[in-house]
Amino acid sequence: MDSGSNDHLAARIKALCVDLDAVASDLGKTGPIEDLSDEIALLALARRIAAGHAAMADFFDPSLFVDPATNIVLRLFIDQQDDRTTTSGECCAAAGVPRTTALRWINLLSGRGLIEMYEKPNDRRSTMLRLTPSGLEIVNSWLLRMREIFRPSGKITG
């Protein structure tokens, strides 16, 4: 990809983050976050965390704060909540590291039972990824904890 394509892609991603933030804000206007279903609230939080990770590249050398495991599980969580399938290539791109490094992280996460690989129906050339049931439970629990940490209460928790 040339730098013009990268700039265009970066602009599209930023625009999507703005749109997602607006949706999350609109959801917040419906009432306290506690009144939203956990599924919607956690999805909005996951999107904000992913956008926050991506935004770091605007301020720091991206190689300084790369977190492939978090980027991968957030991508899988968001896609699963949106009923979308995710290819290993998409997870590699989301990881923010070279493909070989991302594949090592995918194998590590798989070995720990957090994600699973499966073949795409009708196209055995593609490897698909998803969170395992226990991986999904762990990500849900982490996001619930993150929601508590970020909840405006007038005091810092943690």
C-alpha atoms as a PDB file:
ATOM      1  CA  MET A   1       0.000   0.000   0.000  1.00  0.00           C
ATOM      2  CA  ASP A   2       1.341   3.435  -0.823  1.00  0.00           C
ATOM      3  CA  SER A   3       1.288   6.270   1.704  1.00  0.00           C
ATOM      4  CA  GLY A   4      -1.702   7.888  -0.065  1.00  0.00           C
ATOM      5  CA  SER A   5      -3.719   4.730   0.505  1.00  0.00           C
ATOM      6  CA  ASN A   6      -2.548   4.572   4.113  1.00  0.00           C
ATOM      7  CA  ASP A   7      -3.563   8.193   4.666  1.00  0.00           C
ATOM      8  CA  HIS A   8      -6.982   7.526   3.133  1.00  0.00           C
ATOM      9  CA  LEU A   9      -7.422   4.409   5.272  1.00  0.00           C
ATOM     10  CA  ALA A  10      -6.331   6.293   8.410  1.00  0.00           C
ATOM     11  CA  ALA A  11      -8.844   9.049   7.627  1.00  0.00           C
ATOM     12  CA  ARG A  12     -11.624   6.479   7.171  1.00  0.00           C
ATOM     13  CA  ILE A  13     -10.728   4.790  10.463  1.00  0.00           C
ATOM     14  CA  LYS A  14     -10.741   8.131  12.285  1.00  0.00           C
ATOM     15  CA  ALA A  15     -14.138   8.968  10.755  1.00  0.00           C
ATOM     16  CA  LEU A  16     -15.496   5.602  11.883  1.00  0.00           C
ATOM     17  CA  CYS A  17     -14.174   6.225  15.398  1.00  0.00           C
ATOM     18  CA  VAL A  18     -15.956   9.583  15.448  1.00  0.00           C
ATOM     19  CA  ASP A  19     -19.156   7.863  14.301  1.00  0.00           C
ATOM     20  CA  LEU A  20     -18.773   5.139  16.926  1.00  0.00           C
ATOM     21  CA  ASP A  21     -18.170   7.735  19.602  1.00  0.00           C
ATOM     22  CA  ALA A  22     -21.340   9.553  18.531  1.00  0.00           C
ATOM     23  CA  VAL A  23     -23.320   6.310  18.740  1.00  0.00           C
ATOM     24  CA  ALA A  24     -21.863   5.575  22.170  1.00  0.00           C
ATOM     25  CA  SER A  25     -22.727   9.121  23.236  1.00  0.00           C
ATOM     26  CA  ASP A  26     -26.279   8.730  21.938  1.00  0.00           C
ATOM     27  CA  LEU A  27     -26.591   5.483  23.863  1.00  0.00           C
ATOM     28  CA  GLY A  28     -25.458   7.340  26.983  1.00  0.00           C
ATOM     29  CA  LYS A  29     -28.167   9.951  26.448  1.00  0.00           C
ATOM     30  CA  THR A  30     -30.831   7.285  26.786  1.00  0.00           C
ATOM     31  CA  GLY A  31     -30.061   7.094  30.480  1.00  0.00           C
ATOM     32  CA  PRO A  32     -27.319   5.955  32.801  1.00  0.00           C
ATOM     33  CA  ILE A  33     -25.003   3.293  31.450  1.00  0.00           C
ATOM     34  CA  GLU A  34     -26.427   0.975  34.094  1.00  0.00           C
ATOM     35  CA  ASP A  35     -29.760   1.121  32.272  1.00  0.00           C
ATOM     36  CA  LEU A  36     -28.267  -0.181  29.048  1.00  0.00           C
ATOM     37  CA  SER A  37     -28.030  -3.886  28.509  1.00  0.00           C
ATOM     38  CA  ASP A  38     -24.577  -5.165  29.397  1.00  0.00           C
ATOM     39  CA  GLU A  39     -24.162  -6.415  25.853  1.00  0.00           C
ATOM     40  CA  ILE A  40     -24.643  -2.956  24.308  1.00  0.00           C
ATOM     41  CA  ALA A  41     -22.665  -1.160  27.001  1.00  0.00           C
ATOM     42  CA  LEU A  42     -19.733  -3.579  26.786  1.00  0.00           C
ATOM     43  CA  LEU A  43     -19.687  -3.409  22.988  1.00  0.00           C
ATOM     44  CA  ALA A  44     -19.564   0.400  23.143  1.00  0.00           C
ATOM     45  CA  LEU A  45     -16.758   0.207  25.716  1.00  0.00           C
ATOM     46  CA  ALA A  46     -14.808  -2.317  23.609  1.00  0.00           C
ATOM     47  CA  ARG A  47     -15.075   0.007  20.607  1.00  0.00           C
ATOM     48  CA  ARG A  48     -13.819   2.943  22.649  1.00  0.00           C
ATOM     49  CA  ILE A  49     -10.869   0.961  23.984  1.00  0.00           C
ATOM     50  CA  ALA A  50      -9.989  -0.175  20.446  1.00  0.00           C
ATOM     51  CA  ALA A  51     -10.295   3.408  19.183  1.00  0.00           C
ATOM     52  CA  GLY A  52      -8.105   4.560  22.072  1.00  0.00           C
ATOM     53  CA  HIS A  53      -5.436   2.043  21.138  1.00  0.00           C
ATOM     54  CA  ALA A  54      -5.557   3.189  17.511  1.00  0.00           C
ATOM     55  CA  ALA A  55      -5.403   6.860  18.552  1.00  0.00           C
ATOM     56  CA  MET A  56      -2.111   6.349  20.363  1.00  0.00           C
ATOM     57  CA  ALA A  57      -0.417   6.194  16.955  1.00  0.00           C
ATOM     58  CA  ASP A  58      -1.364   9.865  16.500  1.00  0.00           C
ATOM     59  CA  PHE A  59       0.814  10.800  19.462  1.00  0.00           C
ATOM     60  CA  PHE A  60       3.481   8.134  19.849  1.00  0.00           C
ATOM     61  CA  ASP A  61       5.608   5.927  17.674  1.00  0.00           C
ATOM     62  CA  PRO A  62       3.182   3.004  17.191  1.00  0.00           C
ATOM     63  CA  SER A  63       5.902   0.459  17.992  1.00  0.00           C
ATOM     64  CA  LEU A  64       6.222   1.862  21.528  1.00  0.00           C
ATOM     65  CA  PHE A  65       2.764   0.895  22.750  1.00  0.00           C
ATOM     66  CA  VAL A  66       1.751  -2.083  20.642  1.00  0.00           C
ATOM     67  CA  ASP A  67      -0.483  -4.604  22.404  1.00  0.00           C
ATOM     68  CA  PRO A  68      -1.273  -7.367  19.900  1.00  0.00           C
ATOM     69  CA  ALA A  69      -3.176  -9.639  22.291  1.00  0.00           C
ATOM     70  CA  THR A  70      -5.550  -6.891  23.398  1.00  0.00           C
ATOM     71  CA  ASN A  71      -6.046  -5.705  19.823  1.00  0.00           C
ATOM     72  CA  ILE A  72      -6.844  -9.244  18.675  1.00  0.00           C
ATOM     73  CA  VAL A  73      -9.320 -10.079  21.435  1.00  0.00           C
ATOM     74  CA  LEU A  74     -11.039  -6.693  21.092  1.00  0.00           C
ATOM     75  CA  ARG A  75     -11.398  -7.214  17.333  1.00  0.00           C
ATOM     76  CA  LEU A  76     -12.841 -10.692  17.876  1.00  0.00           C
ATOM     77  CA  PHE A  77     -15.178  -9.500  20.631  1.00  0.00           C
ATOM     78  CA  ILE A  78     -16.503  -6.607  18.547  1.00  0.00           C
ATOM     79  CA  ASP A  79     -16.951  -8.773  15.454  1.00  0.00           C
ATOM     80  CA  GLN A  80     -18.706 -11.522  17.410  1.00  0.00           C
ATOM     81  CA  GLN A  81     -21.060  -9.030  19.029  1.00  0.00           C
ATOM     82  CA  ASP A  82     -21.825  -7.649  15.558  1.00  0.00           C
ATOM     83  CA  ASP A  83     -22.375 -11.212  14.225  1.00  0.00           C
ATOM     84  CA  ARG A  84     -19.442 -10.851  11.830  1.00  0.00           C
ATOM     85  CA  THR A  85     -16.848 -13.488  11.120  1.00  0.00           C
ATOM     86  CA  THR A  86     -13.164 -12.635  11.363  1.00  0.00           C
ATOM     87  CA  THR A  87     -10.331 -13.997   9.255  1.00  0.00           C
ATOM     88  CA  SER A  88      -6.866 -14.582  10.607  1.00  0.00           C
ATOM     89  CA  GLY A  89      -5.675 -11.901   8.170  1.00  0.00           C
ATOM     90  CA  GLU A  90      -8.067  -9.358   9.683  1.00  0.00           C
ATOM     91  CA  CYS A  91      -6.797 -10.222  13.160  1.00  0.00           C
ATOM     92  CA  CYS A  92      -3.205  -9.888  11.961  1.00  0.00           C
ATOM     93  CA  ALA A  93      -4.001  -6.409  10.633  1.00  0.00           C
ATOM     94  CA  ALA A  94      -5.757  -5.460  13.887  1.00  0.00           C
ATOM     95  CA  ALA A  95      -2.807  -6.684  15.966  1.00  0.00           C
ATOM     96  CA  GLY A  96      -0.651  -3.792  14.806  1.00  0.00           C
ATOM     97  CA  VAL A  97       2.484  -5.887  14.410  1.00  0.00           C
ATOM     98  CA  PRO A  98       4.094  -7.758  11.502  1.00  0.00           C
ATOM     99  CA  ARG A  99       2.052 -10.727  10.288  1.00  0.00           C
ATOM    100  CA  THR A 100       4.499 -13.329  11.624  1.00  0.00           C
ATOM    101  CA  THR A 101       4.377 -11.729  15.078  1.00  0.00           C
ATOM    102  CA  ALA A 102       0.578 -11.523  14.954  1.00  0.00           C
ATOM    103  CA  LEU A 103       0.375 -15.206  14.023  1.00  0.00           C
ATOM    104  CA  ARG A 104       2.538 -16.077  17.044  1.00  0.00           C
ATOM    105  CA  TRP A 105       0.104 -14.120  19.250  1.00  0.00           C
ATOM    106  CA  ILE A 106      -2.864 -15.859  17.630  1.00  0.00           C
ATOM    107  CA  ASN A 107      -1.257 -19.232  18.326  1.00  0.00           C
ATOM    108  CA  LEU A 108      -0.492 -18.195  21.913  1.00  0.00           C
ATOM    109  CA  LEU A 109      -4.094 -17.037  22.497  1.00  0.00           C
ATOM    110  CA  SER A 110      -5.349 -20.253  20.920  1.00  0.00           C
ATOM    111  CA  GLY A 111      -3.015 -22.342  23.071  1.00  0.00           C
ATOM    112  CA  ARG A 112      -4.374 -20.596  26.164  1.00  0.00           C
ATOM    113  CA  GLY A 113      -7.927 -21.491  25.123  1.00  0.00           C
ATOM    114  CA  LEU A 114      -9.045 -17.895  24.506  1.00  0.00           C
ATOM    115  CA  ILE A 115      -9.576 -18.115  20.752  1.00  0.00           C
ATOM    116  CA  GLU A 116     -10.229 -20.878  18.290  1.00  0.00           C
ATOM    117  CA  MET A 117      -9.507 -21.322  14.623  1.00  0.00           C
ATOM    118  CA  TYR A 118     -11.891 -22.874  12.144  1.00  0.00           C
ATOM    119  CA  GLU A 119     -12.213 -23.177   8.393  1.00  0.00           C
ATOM    120  CA  LYS A 120     -14.471 -20.814   6.532  1.00  0.00           C
ATOM    121  CA  PRO A 121     -17.436 -22.694   5.130  1.00  0.00           C
ATOM    122  CA  ASN A 122     -17.203 -22.933   1.335  1.00  0.00           C
ATOM    123  CA  ASP A 123     -13.593 -21.631   1.305  1.00  0.00           C
ATOM    124  CA  ARG A 124     -11.011 -23.803   2.993  1.00  0.00           C
ATOM    125  CA  ARG A 125      -8.247 -21.332   2.081  1.00  0.00           C
ATOM    126  CA  SER A 126      -9.360 -18.946   4.820  1.00  0.00           C
ATOM    127  CA  THR A 127      -8.791 -19.538   8.501  1.00  0.00           C
ATOM    128  CA  MET A 128     -11.432 -17.920  10.656  1.00  0.00           C
ATOM    129  CA  LEU A 129     -11.010 -16.950  14.301  1.00  0.00           C
ATOM    130  CA  ARG A 130     -13.427 -16.429  17.166  1.00  0.00           C
ATOM    131  CA  LEU A 131     -13.317 -16.201  20.907  1.00  0.00           C
ATOM    132  CA  THR A 132     -13.974 -19.478  22.661  1.00  0.00           C
ATOM    133  CA  PRO A 133     -16.862 -19.503  25.140  1.00  0.00           C
ATOM    134  CA  SER A 134     -14.353 -19.152  27.999  1.00  0.00           C
ATOM    135  CA  GLY A 135     -12.485 -16.429  26.066  1.00  0.00           C
ATOM    136  CA  LEU A 136     -15.745 -14.546  25.578  1.00  0.00           C
ATOM    137  CA  GLU A 137     -16.527 -14.883  29.286  1.00  0.00           C
ATOM    138  CA  ILE A 138     -13.083 -13.532  30.223  1.00  0.00           C
ATOM    139  CA  VAL A 139     -13.363 -10.563  27.840  1.00  0.00           C
ATOM    140  CA  ASN A 140     -16.857  -9.813  29.188  1.00  0.00           C
ATOM    141  CA  SER A 141     -15.526  -9.905  32.757  1.00  0.00           C
ATOM    142  CA  TRP A 142     -12.599  -7.641  31.851  1.00  0.00           C
ATOM    143  CA  LEU A 143     -14.913  -5.139  30.142  1.00  0.00           C
ATOM    144  CA  LEU A 144     -17.240  -5.143  33.169  1.00  0.00           C
ATOM    145  CA  ARG A 145     -14.233  -4.350  35.364  1.00  0.00           C
ATOM    146  CA  MET A 146     -13.109  -1.619  32.934  1.00  0.00           C
ATOM    147  CA  ARG A 147     -16.606  -0.128  33.038  1.00  0.00           C
ATOM    148  CA  GLU A 148     -16.392   0.045  36.823  1.00  0.00           C
ATOM    149  CA  ILE A 149     -12.954   1.677  36.660  1.00  0.00           C
ATOM    150  CA  PHE A 150     -14.155   4.325  34.200  1.00  0.00           C
ATOM    151  CA  ARG A 151     -17.509   4.933  35.849  1.00  0.00           C
ATOM    152  CA  PRO A 152     -17.726   8.558  36.904  1.00  0.00           C
ATOM    153  CA  SER A 153     -18.021   8.445  40.665  1.00  0.00           C
ATOM    154  CA  GLY A 154     -15.908  11.332  41.836  1.00  0.00           C
ATOM    155  CA  LYS A 155     -13.190   8.986  43.049  1.00  0.00           C
ATOM    156  CA  ILE A 156     -10.547   6.870  41.415  1.00  0.00           C
ATOM    157  CA  THR A 157     -11.069   3.152  41.830  1.00  0.00           C
ATOM    158  CA  GLY A 158      -8.615   0.356  41.385  1.00  0.00           C
END
